[in-house]
Amino acid sequence: MTDVAPVLLTRLTNHFGGDPVRLPVVTQQFPKLERANLHYAFEMLLAGPGIRHELIGVLSLEHYGEATLARLSRPRSAVHFDEGPVEYADVPLPEDQRLACIRNALYLVHDGETPWAILLSESRHSWQQAIDIEVMAADREVAEAVSRKITRLTHQSKAFRGHALSIVQDCQGSLSIQFHKLPKISRAELILPEPILTRVERHTTSFNRHADRLLAARRHLKRGILLYGPPGTGKTLTAMFLAAQMPGRTVVILTGSAMGGIETACRMAKALAPATVILEDVDLIGTERHHQSIGANALLFELLNEMDGLEDDKDIIFLLTTNRPGELEPALASRPGRIDQAIEIPLPDADCRRRLIDLYGRGLNLEIDDLESYILRTEGVSGSFIKEFLRKAAMFAAEETDAMELVIRDKHLDDALSELLVAGGPLTQSLLGVVARPAPPVCESGGCK
């Protein structure tokens, strides 16, 4: 072994003005999901008054050896590490932006005349989804204070706050973040009966608008709302509308396999409150116990525990949707403290079907002789059906002419209804949210019966 001290040990020794082997180290972990927030936290920490620092890359000379400040402080272990390039990970941000975040480096910091060091590293193994932060200082209290400040700044950081995001889980159980741009949905585009829309708004946007006064009056802000009804009636659209109506709130969306990220989502919502957690198709994890798999049952209780465990003064909305309310676990649907309101989003009535045809007919020239007959004939269909009905009619009109303007006439609507309700068969009807409904009356010379 050479008599020359390892480079990184020499750096630490010179930085602290003596052998670092007896200096205390405070360690904590952050999930890799927090990489961007952690990066911003370091920027804020190191931009403080009187702070100056040097950034050093850490190179592991053995694939199985992970760098730690303890290992860098002893000659025998420090020889397995050397100074190298600073490594960065390119992380997605909202609005299609990217951020190069440090993933492996040693910070040698002077806070005035007080030296401390931070080692940021992450495991090379895919199953360990954590970033390790180690702080070394001459006094343990200083190391603890720096470590806790990093935590506080990370929770206050801007990478997630006020944005819409979803937590994605891959086949190995690893979680990642995807950002979304919420659609701009106006109130006029949300075709619901006015009493229902008013109830939905009262439990969401009204709470948001009066949050300060309600909290001052000791009214809790945590709330849950369950939107239920047949497929295609606009439950997801309603959720997106509500999220868009409350700017500044962090929106966390959970669907499908990402239900495994419930704990992470609730932890993020708590840190980023005010926040809205949207769980689509909650029946996938909340069905009656005798219908569940073991994994789904565990996720259900995780959801219930997370909803119960949040402080009442946290302004967090749990917005759940389901097509199958009858199969929901009773504890989720009825026990106090979990769901405060269950609101049915029904199939559109005649007035709503008329408004849907007007909405989805925008951009088309509707020359319809008997609109009311189509309002009657579409009884029992969903909003999704009306949207596809107008799109199919536009296709029939486009096939008749090369003109840019599409003129929709009764025959195009008849052809569209025939293809969707007859030729499409029961599966197409089910996919478009058509429920069983009475057969139309049969009219003969003696009248209708």
Protein backbone atom coordinates (compact mmCIF):
# COMPACT_ATOMS: atom_id res chain seq x y z
CA MET A 1 0.00 0.00 0.00
CA THR A 2 1.32 3.45 -0.90
CA ASP A 3 2.25 5.96 1.82
CA VAL A 4 0.32 8.68 0.00
CA ALA A 5 -2.99 9.37 1.74
CA PRO A 6 -6.13 8.81 -0.35
CA VAL A 7 -7.23 11.98 -2.13
CA LEU A 8 -10.68 12.29 -0.52
CA LEU A 9 -9.32 11.59 2.97
CA THR A 10 -6.77 14.34 2.40
CA ARG A 11 -9.53 16.68 1.30
CA LEU A 12 -11.56 15.99 4.46
CA THR A 13 -8.50 16.32 6.69
CA ASN A 14 -7.54 19.69 5.21
CA HIS A 15 -11.15 20.90 5.30
CA PHE A 16 -11.64 20.15 9.01
CA GLY A 17 -8.07 20.97 9.98
CA GLY A 18 -7.45 17.54 11.45
CA ASP A 19 -8.25 13.83 11.30
CA PRO A 20 -11.99 13.45 10.54
CA VAL A 21 -12.23 9.91 11.90
CA ARG A 22 -13.78 10.95 15.22
CA LEU A 23 -16.19 13.55 13.85
CA PRO A 24 -19.93 12.73 14.15
CA VAL A 25 -22.02 11.94 11.07
CA VAL A 26 -25.80 12.40 10.84
CA THR A 27 -27.50 10.34 8.13
CA GLN A 28 -30.94 10.42 6.55
CA GLN A 29 -32.60 9.09 3.41
CA PHE A 30 -34.89 10.63 0.83
CA PRO A 31 -36.92 8.74 -1.78
CA LYS A 32 -35.62 9.17 -5.32
CA LEU A 33 -38.95 10.79 -6.14
CA GLU A 34 -37.68 13.80 -4.19
CA ARG A 35 -34.52 14.22 -6.26
CA ALA A 36 -35.56 17.54 -7.83
CA ASN A 37 -36.82 18.96 -4.52
CA LEU A 38 -33.60 17.85 -2.84
CA HIS A 39 -31.58 19.57 -5.56
CA TYR A 40 -33.46 22.83 -5.00
CA ALA A 41 -32.99 22.42 -1.23
CA PHE A 42 -29.23 22.22 -1.67
CA GLU A 43 -29.27 25.30 -3.87
CA MET A 44 -31.12 27.26 -1.18
CA LEU A 45 -28.93 25.89 1.61
CA LEU A 46 -25.66 26.76 -0.12
CA ALA A 47 -26.88 30.20 -1.19
CA GLY A 48 -27.20 31.30 2.44
CA PRO A 49 -25.22 34.26 3.81
CA GLY A 50 -21.63 33.42 4.70
CA ILE A 51 -21.81 30.03 2.97
CA ARG A 52 -19.07 28.97 0.58
CA HIS A 53 -18.50 25.47 -0.70
CA GLU A 54 -16.51 23.20 -2.98
CA LEU A 55 -18.14 20.39 -4.97
CA ILE A 56 -16.20 17.16 -5.53
CA GLY A 57 -17.20 14.09 -7.50
CA VAL A 58 -16.76 10.73 -5.76
CA LEU A 59 -15.59 7.73 -7.77
CA SER A 60 -16.02 4.23 -6.37
CA LEU A 61 -13.19 1.95 -7.51
CA GLU A 62 -15.16 -1.17 -6.58
CA HIS A 63 -18.62 -1.80 -7.98
CA TYR A 64 -19.94 -3.23 -4.72
CA GLY A 65 -18.53 -0.48 -2.51
CA GLU A 66 -20.79 2.44 -1.58
CA ALA A 67 -19.14 5.67 -0.47
CA THR A 68 -19.87 6.93 3.04
CA LEU A 69 -18.21 9.63 5.10
CA ALA A 70 -17.08 6.99 7.57
CA ARG A 71 -15.32 5.04 4.82
CA LEU A 72 -13.74 8.19 3.42
CA SER A 73 -12.36 8.99 6.89
CA ARG A 74 -10.13 5.91 7.26
CA PRO A 75 -7.08 5.17 5.07
CA ARG A 76 -7.86 1.46 4.62
CA SER A 77 -11.38 2.08 3.28
CA ALA A 78 -10.70 5.47 1.64
CA VAL A 79 -8.28 3.88 -0.85
CA HIS A 80 -11.28 2.36 -2.62
CA PHE A 81 -12.57 5.81 -3.58
CA ASP A 82 -11.13 8.64 -5.61
CA GLU A 83 -12.02 12.07 -6.88
CA GLY A 84 -13.98 11.86 -10.11
CA PRO A 85 -16.56 13.70 -12.18
CA VAL A 86 -19.71 15.02 -10.53
CA GLU A 87 -22.59 12.81 -11.72
CA TYR A 88 -25.98 14.25 -12.65
CA ALA A 89 -29.40 12.74 -13.32
CA ASP A 90 -31.69 14.46 -15.82
CA VAL A 91 -35.06 14.79 -14.10
CA PRO A 92 -38.40 15.85 -15.67
CA LEU A 93 -40.17 18.96 -14.37
CA PRO A 94 -43.57 20.50 -15.16
CA GLU A 95 -44.18 22.19 -18.51
CA ASP A 96 -41.80 19.76 -20.26
CA GLN A 97 -38.78 21.24 -18.47
CA ARG A 98 -35.78 19.23 -17.28
CA LEU A 99 -33.38 19.65 -14.36
CA ALA A 100 -29.89 18.16 -14.06
CA CYS A 101 -29.69 17.00 -10.44
CA ILE A 102 -26.51 15.93 -8.67
CA ARG A 103 -26.66 12.23 -7.84
CA ASN A 104 -23.22 11.58 -6.34
CA ALA A 105 -20.92 14.24 -4.82
CA LEU A 106 -19.09 15.50 -1.76
CA TYR A 107 -19.73 19.06 -0.57
CA LEU A 108 -17.02 20.71 1.52
CA VAL A 109 -18.76 23.68 3.15
CA HIS A 110 -17.71 26.61 5.30
CA ASP A 111 -20.47 28.41 7.18
CA GLY A 112 -18.47 31.43 8.19
CA GLU A 113 -15.61 29.81 10.12
CA THR A 114 -17.50 26.58 10.81
CA PRO A 115 -16.68 23.67 8.47
CA TRP A 116 -19.04 20.84 7.63
CA ALA A 117 -19.29 18.29 4.85
CA ILE A 118 -22.21 16.68 3.03
CA LEU A 119 -22.05 13.47 1.05
CA LEU A 120 -24.91 12.92 -1.37
CA SER A 121 -25.06 9.44 -2.85
CA GLU A 122 -27.48 6.85 -4.10
CA SER A 123 -27.34 3.10 -4.30
CA ARG A 124 -26.26 1.52 -7.56
CA HIS A 125 -28.82 -1.19 -6.95
CA SER A 126 -32.23 -0.71 -8.57
CA TRP A 127 -34.14 -2.19 -5.63
CA GLN A 128 -32.94 0.54 -3.25
CA GLN A 129 -34.99 3.60 -4.16
CA ALA A 130 -33.29 6.06 -1.83
CA ILE A 131 -30.84 8.95 -1.81
CA ASP A 132 -28.51 9.05 1.18
CA ILE A 133 -27.52 12.36 2.75
CA GLU A 134 -24.72 12.37 5.32
CA VAL A 135 -23.62 15.47 7.23
CA MET A 136 -20.29 15.62 9.11
CA ALA A 137 -19.32 18.42 11.48
CA ALA A 138 -17.11 18.97 14.50
CA ASP A 139 -20.21 19.16 16.73
CA ARG A 140 -23.14 16.76 16.47
CA GLU A 141 -25.59 19.61 17.06
CA VAL A 142 -24.29 21.41 13.97
CA ALA A 143 -24.62 18.26 11.85
CA GLU A 144 -28.16 17.69 13.13
CA ALA A 145 -29.16 21.29 12.42
CA VAL A 146 -27.85 21.10 8.84
CA SER A 147 -29.54 17.75 8.25
CA ARG A 148 -32.88 19.01 9.53
CA LYS A 149 -32.62 22.18 7.48
CA ILE A 150 -32.14 20.06 4.35
CA THR A 151 -35.35 18.18 5.22
CA ARG A 152 -37.27 21.39 5.80
CA LEU A 153 -36.06 23.01 2.57
CA THR A 154 -36.86 19.84 0.60
CA HIS A 155 -40.46 19.88 1.82
CA GLN A 156 -40.74 23.58 0.98
CA SER A 157 -39.27 23.19 -2.47
CA LYS A 158 -41.00 24.07 -5.71
CA ALA A 159 -40.60 21.02 -7.95
CA PHE A 160 -44.02 19.55 -7.08
CA ARG A 161 -45.90 22.33 -5.31
CA GLY A 162 -48.93 23.64 -7.18
CA HIS A 163 -48.57 21.19 -10.07
CA ALA A 164 -50.54 18.16 -11.26
CA LEU A 165 -48.64 14.90 -11.17
CA SER A 166 -49.13 11.17 -11.04
CA ILE A 167 -47.12 8.47 -9.33
CA VAL A 168 -46.18 5.65 -11.68
CA GLN A 169 -45.13 2.21 -10.48
CA ASP A 170 -43.15 -0.10 -12.75
CA CYS A 171 -43.04 -3.90 -12.73
CA GLN A 172 -40.24 -3.86 -10.14
CA GLY A 173 -42.21 -1.69 -7.75
CA SER A 174 -40.12 1.43 -8.43
CA LEU A 175 -42.04 4.71 -8.25
CA SER A 176 -41.53 7.69 -10.51
CA ILE A 177 -43.25 11.02 -11.14
CA GLN A 178 -45.05 12.13 -14.27
CA PHE A 179 -46.30 15.70 -14.58
CA HIS A 180 -49.56 16.61 -16.27
CA LYS A 181 -51.15 19.70 -17.69
CA LEU A 182 -54.76 19.78 -16.56
CA PRO A 183 -57.31 20.46 -19.30
CA LYS A 184 -59.02 23.84 -19.12
CA ILE A 185 -62.63 22.85 -18.54
CA SER A 186 -65.17 25.62 -18.09
CA ARG A 187 -68.28 25.21 -15.99
CA ALA A 188 -70.40 25.33 -19.14
CA GLU A 189 -68.53 22.33 -20.53
CA LEU A 190 -69.34 20.19 -17.51
CA ILE A 191 -72.79 18.96 -18.46
CA LEU A 192 -74.45 18.00 -15.19
CA PRO A 193 -77.79 18.86 -13.61
CA GLU A 194 -77.32 22.13 -11.74
CA PRO A 195 -78.24 20.76 -8.27
CA ILE A 196 -75.60 18.03 -8.59
CA LEU A 197 -72.90 20.39 -9.81
CA THR A 198 -73.70 22.79 -6.96
CA ARG A 199 -73.33 19.97 -4.40
CA VAL A 200 -69.98 18.95 -5.89
CA GLU A 201 -68.70 22.52 -5.85
CA ARG A 202 -69.91 23.16 -2.30
CA HIS A 203 -67.79 20.32 -0.97
CA THR A 204 -64.68 21.21 -2.95
CA THR A 205 -64.24 24.69 -4.41
CA SER A 206 -66.34 26.36 -1.70
CA PHE A 207 -64.15 24.83 1.02
CA ASN A 208 -61.11 25.99 -0.90
CA ARG A 209 -62.45 29.52 -1.19
CA HIS A 210 -63.33 29.84 2.50
CA ALA A 211 -60.51 27.73 3.97
CA ASP A 212 -59.04 30.44 6.21
CA ARG A 213 -62.37 31.38 7.80
CA LEU A 214 -63.41 27.76 8.27
CA LEU A 215 -60.10 26.94 9.93
CA ALA A 216 -60.42 29.98 12.19
CA ALA A 217 -63.85 28.69 13.19
CA ARG A 218 -62.26 25.33 14.05
CA ARG A 219 -63.90 23.50 11.13
CA HIS A 220 -61.65 20.78 9.75
CA LEU A 221 -60.51 21.06 6.13
CA LYS A 222 -59.65 17.45 5.35
CA ARG A 223 -62.50 16.00 3.32
CA GLY A 224 -63.40 13.13 1.03
CA ILE A 225 -65.86 12.94 -1.83
CA LEU A 226 -66.92 9.89 -3.81
CA LEU A 227 -68.25 10.39 -7.33
CA TYR A 228 -70.13 7.33 -8.55
CA GLY A 229 -72.26 6.41 -11.51
CA PRO A 230 -72.26 4.48 -14.80
CA PRO A 231 -69.22 4.59 -17.10
CA GLY A 232 -68.91 7.60 -19.36
CA THR A 233 -71.03 9.98 -17.31
CA GLY A 234 -68.20 12.41 -16.60
CA LYS A 235 -66.76 11.45 -13.21
CA THR A 236 -63.16 11.88 -14.36
CA LEU A 237 -64.08 15.02 -16.27
CA THR A 238 -65.67 16.39 -13.10
CA ALA A 239 -62.51 15.62 -11.14
CA MET A 240 -60.36 17.40 -13.73
CA PHE A 241 -62.75 20.36 -13.74
CA LEU A 242 -62.56 20.68 -9.96
CA ALA A 243 -58.77 20.47 -9.97
CA ALA A 244 -58.57 23.19 -12.60
CA GLN A 245 -60.94 25.42 -10.61
CA MET A 246 -58.60 25.44 -7.60
CA PRO A 247 -55.29 26.84 -8.90
CA GLY A 248 -52.33 26.68 -6.59
CA ARG A 249 -53.28 23.28 -5.17
CA THR A 250 -51.00 20.33 -5.75
CA VAL A 251 -52.90 17.57 -7.56
CA VAL A 252 -51.79 13.97 -7.12
CA ILE A 253 -53.47 11.48 -9.48
CA LEU A 254 -53.52 7.74 -8.80
CA THR A 255 -54.79 5.20 -11.29
CA GLY A 256 -54.29 1.53 -12.10
CA SER A 257 -51.07 -0.04 -10.84
CA ALA A 258 -50.01 3.25 -9.26
CA MET A 259 -52.39 2.45 -6.41
CA GLY A 260 -49.25 0.95 -4.87
CA GLY A 261 -48.10 4.52 -4.33
CA ILE A 262 -50.92 5.45 -1.93
CA GLU A 263 -48.61 6.00 1.04
CA THR A 264 -46.25 8.11 -1.05
CA ALA A 265 -49.12 10.13 -2.51
CA CYS A 266 -50.61 10.90 0.89
CA ARG A 267 -47.22 11.83 2.32
CA MET A 268 -46.66 14.21 -0.58
CA ALA A 269 -50.15 15.69 -0.22
CA LYS A 270 -49.51 16.33 3.48
CA ALA A 271 -46.21 18.07 2.76
CA LEU A 272 -47.61 20.06 -0.17
CA ALA A 273 -51.03 21.02 1.23
CA PRO A 274 -53.31 22.47 0.03
CA ALA A 275 -53.56 19.41 -2.17
CA THR A 276 -56.06 17.21 -3.97
CA VAL A 277 -55.59 13.45 -4.22
CA ILE A 278 -57.59 11.94 -7.10
CA LEU A 279 -58.08 8.17 -7.02
CA GLU A 280 -59.85 6.96 -10.14
CA ASP A 281 -61.71 3.64 -10.13
CA VAL A 282 -61.22 3.20 -6.40
CA ASP A 283 -63.24 -0.02 -6.62
CA LEU A 284 -60.07 -1.65 -7.96
CA ILE A 285 -58.74 -1.58 -4.39
CA GLY A 286 -61.93 -1.01 -2.43
CA THR A 287 -64.20 -3.91 -3.40
CA GLU A 288 -65.87 -6.18 -0.89
CA ARG A 289 -63.32 -8.30 0.91
CA HIS A 290 -64.56 -11.59 -0.53
CA HIS A 291 -63.88 -10.22 -4.01
CA GLN A 292 -60.38 -8.96 -3.26
CA SER A 293 -56.93 -10.28 -3.73
CA ILE A 294 -54.57 -10.13 -0.76
CA GLY A 295 -52.69 -7.23 -2.31
CA ALA A 296 -55.81 -5.22 -3.02
CA ASN A 297 -57.03 -5.74 0.54
CA ALA A 298 -53.75 -4.41 1.91
CA LEU A 299 -54.00 -1.34 -0.34
CA LEU A 300 -57.52 -0.66 0.86
CA PHE A 301 -56.47 -0.57 4.49
CA GLU A 302 -53.44 1.52 3.59
CA LEU A 303 -55.78 4.06 1.99
CA LEU A 304 -58.09 4.11 5.01
CA ASN A 305 -55.20 4.49 7.41
CA GLU A 306 -53.71 7.34 5.41
CA MET A 307 -57.04 9.17 5.28
CA ASP A 308 -57.54 8.74 9.02
CA GLY A 309 -53.96 9.65 9.88
CA LEU A 310 -53.95 13.13 8.36
CA GLU A 311 -54.50 16.08 10.64
CA ASP A 312 -57.93 17.72 10.36
CA ASP A 313 -56.40 21.14 9.68
CA LYS A 314 -54.63 19.85 6.58
CA ASP A 315 -56.42 21.21 3.50
CA ILE A 316 -56.49 17.94 1.57
CA ILE A 317 -59.29 16.69 -0.66
CA PHE A 318 -59.61 12.99 -1.41
CA LEU A 319 -61.58 12.78 -4.65
CA LEU A 320 -62.55 9.19 -5.46
CA THR A 321 -64.42 7.83 -8.48
CA THR A 322 -66.06 4.49 -9.13
CA ASN A 323 -68.39 2.81 -11.61
CA ARG A 324 -69.41 0.17 -9.05
CA PRO A 325 -70.51 1.78 -5.78
CA GLY A 326 -72.38 -1.35 -4.71
CA GLU A 327 -69.16 -3.33 -4.57
CA LEU A 328 -67.21 -0.85 -2.50
CA GLU A 329 -65.92 -1.91 0.85
CA PRO A 330 -68.44 -0.57 3.40
CA ALA A 331 -65.69 0.86 5.58
CA LEU A 332 -64.58 3.09 2.72
CA ALA A 333 -68.05 4.16 1.65
CA SER A 334 -69.78 4.84 4.94
CA ARG A 335 -67.48 5.19 7.97
CA PRO A 336 -67.11 8.75 9.27
CA GLY A 337 -63.83 10.49 8.70
CA ARG A 338 -63.14 8.88 5.34
CA ILE A 339 -65.84 9.92 2.86
CA ASP A 340 -68.00 12.92 3.77
CA GLN A 341 -70.07 13.04 0.58
CA ALA A 342 -71.08 10.41 -1.98
CA ILE A 343 -72.55 12.06 -5.07
CA GLU A 344 -74.03 10.22 -8.03
CA ILE A 345 -73.05 11.44 -11.49
CA PRO A 346 -76.06 10.17 -13.40
CA LEU A 347 -76.72 9.42 -17.03
CA PRO A 348 -77.67 12.68 -18.75
CA ASP A 349 -81.33 13.60 -18.73
CA ALA A 350 -83.06 15.13 -21.75
CA ASP A 351 -81.83 18.65 -20.98
CA CYS A 352 -78.26 17.45 -20.48
CA ARG A 353 -78.37 15.40 -23.70
CA ARG A 354 -79.50 18.52 -25.55
CA ARG A 355 -76.60 20.49 -24.05
CA LEU A 356 -74.16 17.67 -24.87
CA ILE A 357 -75.21 17.67 -28.50
CA ASP A 358 -74.68 21.43 -28.58
CA LEU A 359 -71.26 21.04 -26.89
CA TYR A 360 -69.93 18.25 -29.09
CA GLY A 361 -71.53 19.73 -32.17
CA ARG A 362 -69.24 22.76 -32.04
CA GLY A 363 -67.31 23.11 -35.28
CA LEU A 364 -70.04 21.30 -37.21
CA ASN A 365 -72.91 22.77 -39.20
CA LEU A 366 -75.93 21.03 -37.68
CA GLU A 367 -78.90 21.13 -40.09
CA ILE A 368 -81.17 18.81 -38.16
CA ASP A 369 -84.93 18.83 -38.83
CA ASP A 370 -86.03 16.96 -35.73
CA LEU A 371 -83.50 17.37 -32.94
CA GLU A 372 -86.01 16.37 -30.27
CA SER A 373 -86.39 12.91 -31.78
CA TYR A 374 -82.68 12.30 -31.25
CA ILE A 375 -82.93 13.59 -27.70
CA LEU A 376 -85.62 10.94 -27.13
CA ARG A 377 -83.79 8.17 -28.97
CA THR A 378 -80.62 8.68 -26.95
CA GLU A 379 -82.32 8.16 -23.60
CA GLY A 380 -80.16 5.98 -21.38
CA VAL A 381 -76.82 6.81 -23.01
CA SER A 382 -73.80 8.47 -21.43
CA GLY A 383 -72.03 11.68 -22.27
CA SER A 384 -69.26 9.61 -23.85
CA PHE A 385 -71.83 8.09 -26.19
CA ILE A 386 -73.08 11.52 -27.27
CA LYS A 387 -69.50 12.58 -28.04
CA GLU A 388 -68.88 9.51 -30.19
CA PHE A 389 -72.35 9.83 -31.75
CA LEU A 390 -71.49 13.31 -33.11
CA ARG A 391 -68.02 12.19 -34.20
CA LYS A 392 -69.47 9.22 -36.10
CA ALA A 393 -72.08 11.46 -37.75
CA ALA A 394 -69.29 13.82 -38.83
CA MET A 395 -67.49 10.89 -40.43
CA PHE A 396 -70.60 9.91 -42.42
CA ALA A 397 -70.93 13.53 -43.57
CA ALA A 398 -67.24 13.70 -44.53
CA GLU A 399 -67.59 10.63 -46.74
CA GLU A 400 -70.30 12.36 -48.80
CA THR A 401 -68.35 15.46 -49.78
CA ASP A 402 -64.89 16.94 -50.10
CA ALA A 403 -66.01 20.29 -48.70
CA MET A 404 -64.11 21.50 -45.65
CA GLU A 405 -67.26 22.41 -43.77
CA LEU A 406 -69.11 19.37 -42.50
CA VAL A 407 -72.89 19.65 -42.64
CA ILE A 408 -74.63 17.18 -40.33
CA ARG A 409 -78.15 16.19 -41.32
CA ASP A 410 -80.71 13.77 -39.92
CA LYS A 411 -79.56 10.91 -42.14
CA HIS A 412 -76.03 11.18 -40.77
CA LEU A 413 -77.34 10.98 -37.22
CA ASP A 414 -79.52 8.01 -38.18
CA ASP A 415 -76.55 6.19 -39.69
CA ALA A 416 -74.43 6.97 -36.61
CA LEU A 417 -77.09 5.66 -34.23
CA SER A 418 -77.54 2.52 -36.30
CA GLU A 419 -73.82 1.78 -36.32
CA LEU A 420 -73.36 2.42 -32.61
CA LEU A 421 -76.54 0.82 -31.26
CA VAL A 422 -77.16 -1.96 -33.76
CA ALA A 423 -74.07 -2.88 -35.76
CA GLY A 424 -71.74 -2.22 -32.83
CA GLY A 425 -73.47 -4.79 -30.66
CA PRO A 426 -73.65 -5.01 -26.87
CA LEU A 427 -69.90 -4.62 -26.36
CA THR A 428 -69.75 -1.27 -28.17
CA GLN A 429 -72.79 -0.11 -26.22
CA SER A 430 -71.12 -1.11 -22.98
CA LEU A 431 -67.88 0.65 -23.90
CA LEU A 432 -69.77 3.85 -24.66
CA GLY A 433 -71.88 3.80 -21.52
CA VAL A 434 -75.23 2.68 -22.87
CA VAL A 435 -77.48 1.12 -20.23
CA ALA A 436 -80.49 -1.12 -20.80
CA ARG A 437 -83.51 0.93 -21.66
CA PRO A 438 -87.12 0.27 -22.84
CA ALA A 439 -87.61 -0.54 -26.50
CA PRO A 440 -89.04 2.35 -28.52
CA PRO A 441 -92.79 2.25 -29.16
CA VAL A 442 -94.00 0.45 -32.26
CA CYS A 443 -96.24 2.68 -34.35
CA GLU A 444 -98.88 1.22 -36.67
CA SER A 445 -101.87 2.62 -38.47
CA GLY A 446 -103.97 2.32 -35.33
CA GLY A 447 -101.49 4.34 -33.29
CA CYS A 448 -98.52 3.60 -31.06
CA LYS A 449 -98.48 0.90 -28.42
